[in-house]
PDB file of N, CA and C in Angstrom:
ATOM      1  N   UNK A   1       0.827  -1.191   0.000  1.00  0.00           N
ATOM      2  CA  UNK A   1       0.000   0.000   0.000  1.00  0.00           C
ATOM      3  C   UNK A   1       0.868   1.249   0.000  1.00  0.00           C
ATOM      4  N   UNK A   2       2.085   1.125  -0.500  1.00  0.00           N
ATOM      5  CA  UNK A   2       3.010   2.257  -0.551  1.00  0.00           C
ATOM      6  C   UNK A   2       2.930   3.011  -1.869  1.00  0.00           C
ATOM      7  N   UNK A   3       1.940   2.740  -2.672  1.00  0.00           N
ATOM      8  CA  UNK A   3       1.857   3.287  -4.020  1.00  0.00           C
ATOM      9  C   UNK A   3       1.667   4.800  -4.010  1.00  0.00           C
ATOM     10  N   UNK A   4       2.517   5.483  -4.767  1.00  0.00           N
ATOM     11  CA  UNK A   4       2.386   6.934  -4.931  1.00  0.00           C
ATOM     12  C   UNK A   4       2.043   7.302  -6.375  1.00  0.00           C
ATOM     13  N   UNK A   5       1.870   6.314  -7.247  1.00  0.00           N
ATOM     14  CA  UNK A   5       1.622   6.584  -8.668  1.00  0.00           C
ATOM     15  C   UNK A   5       0.148   6.607  -9.039  1.00  0.00           C
ATOM     16  N   UNK A   6      -0.682   5.890  -8.317  1.00  0.00           N
ATOM     17  CA  UNK A   6      -2.100   5.775  -8.650  1.00  0.00           C
ATOM     18  C   UNK A   6      -2.905   6.624  -7.675  1.00  0.00           C
ATOM     19  N   UNK A   7      -3.839   7.406  -8.221  1.00  0.00           N
ATOM     20  CA  UNK A   7      -4.672   8.259  -7.376  1.00  0.00           C
ATOM     21  C   UNK A   7      -6.124   8.146  -7.815  1.00  0.00           C
ATOM     22  N   UNK A   8      -7.014   7.879  -6.929  1.00  0.00           N
ATOM     23  CA  UNK A   8      -6.736   7.498  -5.553  1.00  0.00           C
ATOM     24  C   UNK A   8      -6.158   6.081  -5.503  1.00  0.00           C
ATOM     25  N   UNK A   9      -5.368   5.833  -4.509  1.00  0.00           N
ATOM     26  CA  UNK A   9      -4.683   4.546  -4.365  1.00  0.00           C
ATOM     27  C   UNK A   9      -5.685   3.386  -4.360  1.00  0.00           C
ATOM     28  N   UNK A  10      -6.865   3.611  -3.799  1.00  0.00           N
ATOM     29  CA  UNK A  10      -7.894   2.567  -3.719  1.00  0.00           C
ATOM     30  C   UNK A  10      -8.385   2.105  -5.086  1.00  0.00           C
ATOM     31  N   UNK A  11      -8.164   2.910  -6.112  1.00  0.00           N
ATOM     32  CA  UNK A  11      -8.627   2.516  -7.444  1.00  0.00           C
ATOM     33  C   UNK A  11      -7.830   1.333  -7.999  1.00  0.00           C
ATOM     34  N   UNK A  12      -6.691   1.018  -7.396  1.00  0.00           N
ATOM     35  CA  UNK A  12      -5.960  -0.190  -7.799  1.00  0.00           C
ATOM     36  C   UNK A  12      -6.814  -1.425  -7.587  1.00  0.00           C
ATOM     37  N   UNK A  13      -7.697  -1.362  -6.598  1.00  0.00           N
ATOM     38  CA  UNK A  13      -8.594  -2.473  -6.280  1.00  0.00           C
ATOM     39  C   UNK A  13     -10.033  -2.070  -6.547  1.00  0.00           C
ATOM     40  N   UNK A  14     -10.251  -1.257  -7.594  1.00  0.00           N
ATOM     41  CA  UNK A  14     -11.560  -0.874  -8.111  1.00  0.00           C
ATOM     42  C   UNK A  14     -12.366   0.062  -7.217  1.00  0.00           C
ATOM     43  N   UNK A  15     -11.774   0.575  -6.151  1.00  0.00           N
ATOM     44  CA  UNK A  15     -12.436   1.603  -5.358  1.00  0.00           C
ATOM     45  C   UNK A  15     -12.337   2.932  -6.098  1.00  0.00           C
ATOM     46  N   UNK A  16     -13.184   3.889  -5.721  1.00  0.00           N
ATOM     47  CA  UNK A  16     -13.107   5.195  -6.383  1.00  0.00           C
ATOM     48  C   UNK A  16     -13.895   6.222  -5.586  1.00  0.00           C
ATOM     49  N   UNK A  17     -13.765   7.466  -5.988  1.00  0.00           N
ATOM     50  CA  UNK A  17     -14.497   8.546  -5.335  1.00  0.00           C
ATOM     51  C   UNK A  17     -16.003   8.312  -5.446  1.00  0.00           C
ATOM     52  N   UNK A  18     -16.718   8.689  -4.398  1.00  0.00           N
ATOM     53  CA  UNK A  18     -18.176   8.669  -4.465  1.00  0.00           C
ATOM     54  C   UNK A  18     -18.603   9.712  -5.491  1.00  0.00           C
ATOM     55  N   UNK A  19     -19.613   9.410  -6.281  1.00  0.00           N
ATOM     56  CA  UNK A  19     -20.087  10.357  -7.293  1.00  0.00           C
ATOM     57  C   UNK A  19     -20.374  11.709  -6.661  1.00  0.00           C
ATOM     58  N   UNK A  20     -19.781  12.766  -7.219  1.00  0.00           N
ATOM     59  CA  UNK A  20     -20.006  14.121  -6.755  1.00  0.00           C
ATOM     60  C   UNK A  20     -19.270  14.494  -5.479  1.00  0.00           C
ATOM     61  N   UNK A  21     -18.383  13.632  -4.995  1.00  0.00           N
ATOM     62  CA  UNK A  21     -17.663  13.897  -3.740  1.00  0.00           C
ATOM     63  C   UNK A  21     -16.186  13.589  -3.930  1.00  0.00           C
ATOM     64  N   UNK A  22     -15.368  14.630  -3.900  1.00  0.00           N
ATOM     65  CA  UNK A  22     -13.928  14.454  -4.106  1.00  0.00           C
ATOM     66  C   UNK A  22     -13.189  14.063  -2.834  1.00  0.00           C
ATOM     67  N   UNK A  23     -13.906  13.894  -1.742  1.00  0.00           N
ATOM     68  CA  UNK A  23     -13.260  13.548  -0.477  1.00  0.00           C
ATOM     69  C   UNK A  23     -13.516  12.099  -0.061  1.00  0.00           C
ATOM     70  N   UNK A  24     -14.683  11.572  -0.346  1.00  0.00           N
ATOM     71  CA  UNK A  24     -15.043  10.231   0.112  1.00  0.00           C
ATOM     72  C   UNK A  24     -14.708   9.203  -0.962  1.00  0.00           C
ATOM     73  N   UNK A  25     -13.900   8.224  -0.578  1.00  0.00           N
ATOM     74  CA  UNK A  25     -13.525   7.148  -1.490  1.00  0.00           C
ATOM     75  C   UNK A  25     -14.283   5.897  -1.073  1.00  0.00           C
ATOM     76  N   UNK A  26     -14.961   5.295  -2.040  1.00  0.00           N
ATOM     77  CA  UNK A  26     -15.760   4.103  -1.778  1.00  0.00           C
ATOM     78  C   UNK A  26     -14.941   2.848  -2.029  1.00  0.00           C
ATOM     79  N   UNK A  27     -15.139   1.812  -1.217  1.00  0.00           N
ATOM     80  CA  UNK A  27     -14.552   0.516  -1.553  1.00  0.00           C
ATOM     81  C   UNK A  27     -15.230  -0.019  -2.817  1.00  0.00           C
ATOM     82  N   UNK A  28     -14.590  -0.935  -3.492  1.00  0.00           N
ATOM     83  CA  UNK A  28     -15.070  -1.397  -4.795  1.00  0.00           C
ATOM     84  C   UNK A  28     -16.525  -1.845  -4.774  1.00  0.00           C
ATOM     85  N   UNK A  29     -16.949  -2.516  -3.700  1.00  0.00           N
ATOM     86  CA  UNK A  29     -18.292  -3.086  -3.691  1.00  0.00           C
ATOM     87  C   UNK A  29     -19.389  -2.070  -3.378  1.00  0.00           C
ATOM     88  N   UNK A  30     -19.007  -0.814  -3.164  1.00  0.00           N
ATOM     89  CA  UNK A  30     -19.999   0.249  -2.976  1.00  0.00           C
ATOM     90  C   UNK A  30     -20.074   1.194  -4.167  1.00  0.00           C
ATOM     91  N   UNK A  31     -19.265   0.971  -5.195  1.00  0.00           N
ATOM     92  CA  UNK A  31     -19.279   1.852  -6.370  1.00  0.00           C
ATOM     93  C   UNK A  31     -20.439   1.510  -7.290  1.00  0.00           C
ATOM     94  N   UNK A  32     -20.888   2.496  -8.074  1.00  0.00           N
ATOM     95  CA  UNK A  32     -21.960   2.261  -9.055  1.00  0.00           C
ATOM     96  C   UNK A  32     -21.534   1.219 -10.077  1.00  0.00           C
ATOM     97  N   UNK A  33     -20.276   1.246 -10.483  1.00  0.00           N
ATOM     98  CA  UNK A  33     -19.802   0.275 -11.473  1.00  0.00           C
ATOM     99  C   UNK A  33     -19.969  -1.149 -10.960  1.00  0.00           C
ATOM    100  N   UNK A  34     -19.708  -1.363  -9.672  1.00  0.00           N
ATOM    101  CA  UNK A  34     -19.877  -2.693  -9.092  1.00  0.00           C
ATOM    102  C   UNK A  34     -21.358  -3.032  -8.961  1.00  0.00           C
ATOM    103  N   UNK A  35     -22.140  -2.096  -8.410  1.00  0.00           N
ATOM    104  CA  UNK A  35     -23.557  -2.361  -8.167  1.00  0.00           C
ATOM    105  C   UNK A  35     -24.314  -2.671  -9.456  1.00  0.00           C
ATOM    106  N   UNK A  36     -23.941  -2.016 -10.549  1.00  0.00           N
ATOM    107  CA  UNK A  36     -24.613  -2.252 -11.827  1.00  0.00           C
ATOM    108  C   UNK A  36     -23.914  -3.331 -12.660  1.00  0.00           C
ATOM    109  N   UNK A  37     -22.838  -3.855 -12.127  1.00  0.00           N
ATOM    110  CA  UNK A  37     -22.047  -4.888 -12.812  1.00  0.00           C
ATOM    111  C   UNK A  37     -21.583  -4.395 -14.184  1.00  0.00           C
ATOM    112  N   UNK A  38     -21.179  -3.137 -14.233  1.00  0.00           N
ATOM    113  CA  UNK A  38     -20.857  -2.461 -15.494  1.00  0.00           C
ATOM    114  C   UNK A  38     -19.810  -3.192 -16.326  1.00  0.00           C
ATOM    115  N   UNK A  39     -18.829  -3.810 -15.696  1.00  0.00           N
ATOM    116  CA  UNK A  39     -17.816  -4.518 -16.475  1.00  0.00           C
ATOM    117  C   UNK A  39     -17.573  -5.936 -15.941  1.00  0.00           C
ATOM    118  N   UNK A  40     -18.545  -6.466 -15.220  1.00  0.00           N
ATOM    119  CA  UNK A  40     -18.502  -7.866 -14.811  1.00  0.00           C
ATOM    120  C   UNK A  40     -17.785  -8.157 -13.500  1.00  0.00           C
ATOM    121  N   UNK A  41     -17.313  -7.130 -12.806  1.00  0.00           N
ATOM    122  CA  UNK A  41     -16.587  -7.367 -11.556  1.00  0.00           C
ATOM    123  C   UNK A  41     -17.476  -8.049 -10.512  1.00  0.00           C
ATOM    124  N   UNK A  42     -18.719  -7.601 -10.392  1.00  0.00           N
ATOM    125  CA  UNK A  42     -19.613  -8.216  -9.407  1.00  0.00           C
ATOM    126  C   UNK A  42     -19.804  -9.704  -9.707  1.00  0.00           C
ATOM    127  N   UNK A  43     -19.950 -10.053 -10.971  1.00  0.00           N
ATOM    128  CA  UNK A  43     -20.095 -11.454 -11.358  1.00  0.00           C
ATOM    129  C   UNK A  43     -18.879 -12.252 -10.930  1.00  0.00           C
ATOM    130  N   UNK A  44     -17.688 -11.708 -11.164  1.00  0.00           N
ATOM    131  CA  UNK A  44     -16.461 -12.405 -10.768  1.00  0.00           C
ATOM    132  C   UNK A  44     -16.371 -12.567  -9.259  1.00  0.00           C
ATOM    133  N   UNK A  45     -16.729 -11.536  -8.516  1.00  0.00           N
ATOM    134  CA  UNK A  45     -16.704 -11.614  -7.055  1.00  0.00           C
ATOM    135  C   UNK A  45     -17.681 -12.670  -6.573  1.00  0.00           C
ATOM    136  N   UNK A  46     -18.888 -12.677  -7.132  1.00  0.00           N
ATOM    137  CA  UNK A  46     -19.906 -13.652  -6.729  1.00  0.00           C
ATOM    138  C   UNK A  46     -19.468 -15.082  -7.017  1.00  0.00           C
ATOM    139  N   UNK A  47     -18.623 -15.264  -8.018  1.00  0.00           N
ATOM    140  CA  UNK A  47     -18.119 -16.600  -8.358  1.00  0.00           C
ATOM    141  C   UNK A  47     -16.771 -16.886  -7.680  1.00  0.00           C
ATOM    142  N   UNK A  48     -16.377 -16.007  -6.758  1.00  0.00           N
ATOM    143  CA  UNK A  48     -15.126 -16.157  -6.010  1.00  0.00           C
ATOM    144  C   UNK A  48     -13.908 -16.239  -6.943  1.00  0.00           C
ATOM    145  N   UNK A  49     -13.898 -15.387  -7.967  1.00  0.00           N
ATOM    146  CA  UNK A  49     -12.818 -15.378  -8.955  1.00  0.00           C
ATOM    147  C   UNK A  49     -11.886 -14.178  -8.814  1.00  0.00           C
ATOM    148  N   UNK A  50     -12.049 -13.381  -7.767  1.00  0.00           N
ATOM    149  CA  UNK A  50     -11.226 -12.187  -7.584  1.00  0.00           C
ATOM    150  C   UNK A  50     -10.336 -12.372  -6.366  1.00  0.00           C
ATOM    151  N   UNK A  51      -9.066 -12.089  -6.524  1.00  0.00           N
ATOM    152  CA  UNK A  51      -8.102 -12.108  -5.428  1.00  0.00           C
ATOM    153  C   UNK A  51      -7.429 -10.748  -5.361  1.00  0.00           C
ATOM    154  N   UNK A  52      -7.364 -10.193  -4.186  1.00  0.00           N
ATOM    155  CA  UNK A  52      -6.691  -8.922  -3.990  1.00  0.00           C
ATOM    156  C   UNK A  52      -5.329  -9.195  -3.374  1.00  0.00           C
ATOM    157  N   UNK A  53      -4.293  -8.949  -4.148  1.00  0.00           N
ATOM    158  CA  UNK A  53      -2.926  -9.197  -3.713  1.00  0.00           C
ATOM    159  C   UNK A  53      -2.209  -7.880  -3.522  1.00  0.00           C
ATOM    160  N   UNK A  54      -1.248  -7.864  -2.648  1.00  0.00           N
ATOM    161  CA  UNK A  54      -0.452  -6.652  -2.476  1.00  0.00           C
ATOM    162  C   UNK A  54       1.012  -7.031  -2.320  1.00  0.00           C
ATOM    163  N   UNK A  55       1.845  -6.066  -2.576  1.00  0.00           N
ATOM    164  CA  UNK A  55       3.284  -6.255  -2.396  1.00  0.00           C
ATOM    165  C   UNK A  55       3.866  -4.930  -1.911  1.00  0.00           C
ATOM    166  N   UNK A  56       5.014  -5.006  -1.319  1.00  0.00           N
ATOM    167  CA  UNK A  56       5.676  -3.794  -0.842  1.00  0.00           C
ATOM    168  C   UNK A  56       6.176  -2.985  -2.026  1.00  0.00           C
ATOM    169  N   UNK A  57       6.202  -1.663  -1.861  1.00  0.00           N
ATOM    170  CA  UNK A  57       6.770  -0.814  -2.889  1.00  0.00           C
ATOM    171  C   UNK A  57       5.734  -0.076  -3.698  1.00  0.00           C
ATOM    172  N   UNK A  58       6.217   0.613  -4.706  1.00  0.00           N
ATOM    173  CA  UNK A  58       5.388   1.445  -5.551  1.00  0.00           C
ATOM    174  C   UNK A  58       4.703   0.615  -6.632  1.00  0.00           C
ATOM    175  N   UNK A  59       3.859   1.264  -7.405  1.00  0.00           N
ATOM    176  CA  UNK A  59       3.052   0.601  -8.425  1.00  0.00           C
ATOM    177  C   UNK A  59       3.916  -0.213  -9.383  1.00  0.00           C
ATOM    178  N   UNK A  60       3.576  -1.487  -9.509  1.00  0.00           N
ATOM    179  CA  UNK A  60       4.278  -2.428 -10.393  1.00  0.00           C
ATOM    180  C   UNK A  60       5.763  -2.581 -10.067  1.00  0.00           C
ATOM    181  N   UNK A  61       6.147  -2.291  -8.851  1.00  0.00           N
ATOM    182  CA  UNK A  61       7.541  -2.451  -8.430  1.00  0.00           C
ATOM    183  C   UNK A  61       7.676  -3.684  -7.543  1.00  0.00           C
ATOM    184  N   UNK A  62       7.119  -4.799  -7.983  1.00  0.00           N
ATOM    185  CA  UNK A  62       7.173  -6.039  -7.219  1.00  0.00           C
ATOM    186  C   UNK A  62       8.427  -6.822  -7.588  1.00  0.00           C
ATOM    187  N   UNK A  63       8.784  -7.755  -6.741  1.00  0.00           N
ATOM    188  CA  UNK A  63       9.978  -8.560  -6.971  1.00  0.00           C
ATOM    189  C   UNK A  63       9.688  -9.676  -7.971  1.00  0.00           C
ATOM    190  N   UNK A  64      10.737 -10.188  -8.566  1.00  0.00           N
ATOM    191  CA  UNK A  64      10.589 -11.334  -9.464  1.00  0.00           C
ATOM    192  C   UNK A  64      10.071 -12.538  -8.687  1.00  0.00           C
ATOM    193  N   UNK A  65      10.455 -12.650  -7.430  1.00  0.00           N
ATOM    194  CA  UNK A  65       9.969 -13.736  -6.589  1.00  0.00           C
ATOM    195  C   UNK A  65       8.440 -13.667  -6.460  1.00  0.00           C
ATOM    196  N   UNK A  66       7.911 -12.463  -6.206  1.00  0.00           N
ATOM    197  CA  UNK A  66       6.460 -12.295  -6.135  1.00  0.00           C
ATOM    198  C   UNK A  66       5.802 -12.629  -7.468  1.00  0.00           C
ATOM    199  N   UNK A  67       6.376 -12.138  -8.560  1.00  0.00           N
ATOM    200  CA  UNK A  67       5.813 -12.389  -9.883  1.00  0.00           C
ATOM    201  C   UNK A  67       5.689 -13.885 -10.160  1.00  0.00           C
ATOM    202  N   UNK A  68       6.765 -14.620  -9.926  1.00  0.00           N
ATOM    203  CA  UNK A  68       6.728 -16.051 -10.209  1.00  0.00           C
ATOM    204  C   UNK A  68       5.804 -16.794  -9.249  1.00  0.00           C
ATOM    205  N   UNK A  69       5.701 -16.330  -8.025  1.00  0.00           N
ATOM    206  CA  UNK A  69       4.765 -16.928  -7.073  1.00  0.00           C
ATOM    207  C   UNK A  69       3.335 -16.769  -7.593  1.00  0.00           C
ATOM    208  N   UNK A  70       2.985 -15.561  -8.077  1.00  0.00           N
ATOM    209  CA  UNK A  70       1.639 -15.314  -8.607  1.00  0.00           C
ATOM    210  C   UNK A  70       1.387 -16.102  -9.884  1.00  0.00           C
ATOM    211  N   UNK A  71       2.379 -16.173 -10.749  1.00  0.00           N
ATOM    212  CA  UNK A  71       2.217 -16.952 -11.978  1.00  0.00           C
ATOM    213  C   UNK A  71       1.964 -18.416 -11.656  1.00  0.00           C
ATOM    214  N   UNK A  72       2.747 -18.959 -10.715  1.00  0.00           N
ATOM    215  CA  UNK A  72       2.534 -20.353 -10.317  1.00  0.00           C
ATOM    216  C   UNK A  72       1.143 -20.554  -9.726  1.00  0.00           C
ATOM    217  N   UNK A  73       0.719 -19.631  -8.898  1.00  0.00           N
ATOM    218  CA  UNK A  73      -0.561 -19.779  -8.216  1.00  0.00           C
ATOM    219  C   UNK A  73      -1.749 -19.686  -9.167  1.00  0.00           C
ATOM    220  N   UNK A  74      -1.696 -18.768 -10.118  1.00  0.00           N
ATOM    221  CA  UNK A  74      -2.886 -18.491 -10.935  1.00  0.00           C
ATOM    222  C   UNK A  74      -2.837 -19.004 -12.372  1.00  0.00           C
ATOM    223  N   UNK A  75      -1.645 -19.357 -12.861  1.00  0.00           N
ATOM    224  CA  UNK A  75      -1.564 -19.744 -14.268  1.00  0.00           C
ATOM    225  C   UNK A  75      -0.939 -21.109 -14.510  1.00  0.00           C
ATOM    226  N   UNK A  76      -0.522 -21.767 -13.473  1.00  0.00           N
ATOM    227  CA  UNK A  76       0.083 -23.091 -13.653  1.00  0.00           C
ATOM    228  C   UNK A  76      -0.993 -24.068 -14.089  1.00  0.00           C
ATOM    229  N   UNK A  77      -0.667 -24.834 -15.111  1.00  0.00           N
ATOM    230  CA  UNK A  77      -1.587 -25.853 -15.609  1.00  0.00           C
ATOM    231  C   UNK A  77      -1.309 -27.123 -14.830  1.00  0.00           C
ATOM    232  N   UNK A  78      -2.324 -27.659 -14.156  1.00  0.00           N
ATOM    233  CA  UNK A  78      -2.089 -28.897 -13.396  1.00  0.00           C
ATOM    234  C   UNK A  78      -1.743 -30.044 -14.338  1.00  0.00           C
ATOM    235  N   UNK A  79      -0.793 -30.848 -13.934  1.00  0.00           N
ATOM    236  CA  UNK A  79      -0.395 -32.014 -14.733  1.00  0.00           C
ATOM    237  C   UNK A  79      -1.109 -33.242 -14.205  1.00  0.00           C
ATOM    238  N   UNK A  80      -1.713 -33.983 -15.096  1.00  0.00           N
ATOM    239  CA  UNK A  80      -2.369 -35.231 -14.714  1.00  0.00           C
ATOM    240  C   UNK A  80      -1.355 -36.357 -14.791  1.00  0.00           C
ATOM    241  N   UNK A  81      -1.331 -37.180 -13.757  1.00  0.00           N
ATOM    242  CA  UNK A  81      -0.445 -38.346 -13.781  1.00  0.00           C
ATOM    243  C   UNK A  81      -1.032 -39.373 -14.731  1.00  0.00           C
ATOM    244  N   UNK A  82      -0.168 -39.982 -15.508  1.00  0.00           N
ATOM    245  CA  UNK A  82      -0.618 -41.044 -16.407  1.00  0.00           C
ATOM    246  C   UNK A  82      -1.026 -42.250 -15.569  1.00  0.00           C
ATOM    247  N   UNK A  83      -2.126 -42.837 -15.927  1.00  0.00           N
ATOM    248  CA  UNK A  83      -2.592 -44.014 -15.163  1.00  0.00           C
ATOM    249  C   UNK A  83      -2.502 -45.262 -15.983  1.00  0.00           C
TER     250      UNK A  83
END
């Protein structure tokens, strides 16, 4: 949560300013985009397909170790043992 590049920082996880209010930032599940399922985020959340991950440092300044850990976790194709 050390990001200084994205404003508001909460928008990294789909949060954003409340409509008409430059001071109040809503969590993702309280935004109009989420409530109306404007781009399918609510559907993904309801199907438990969203993971919120964080790493130390600024925007996209994660370690190679973190990158490979995430790739293994989310993109590794399971191998079936031959029977």
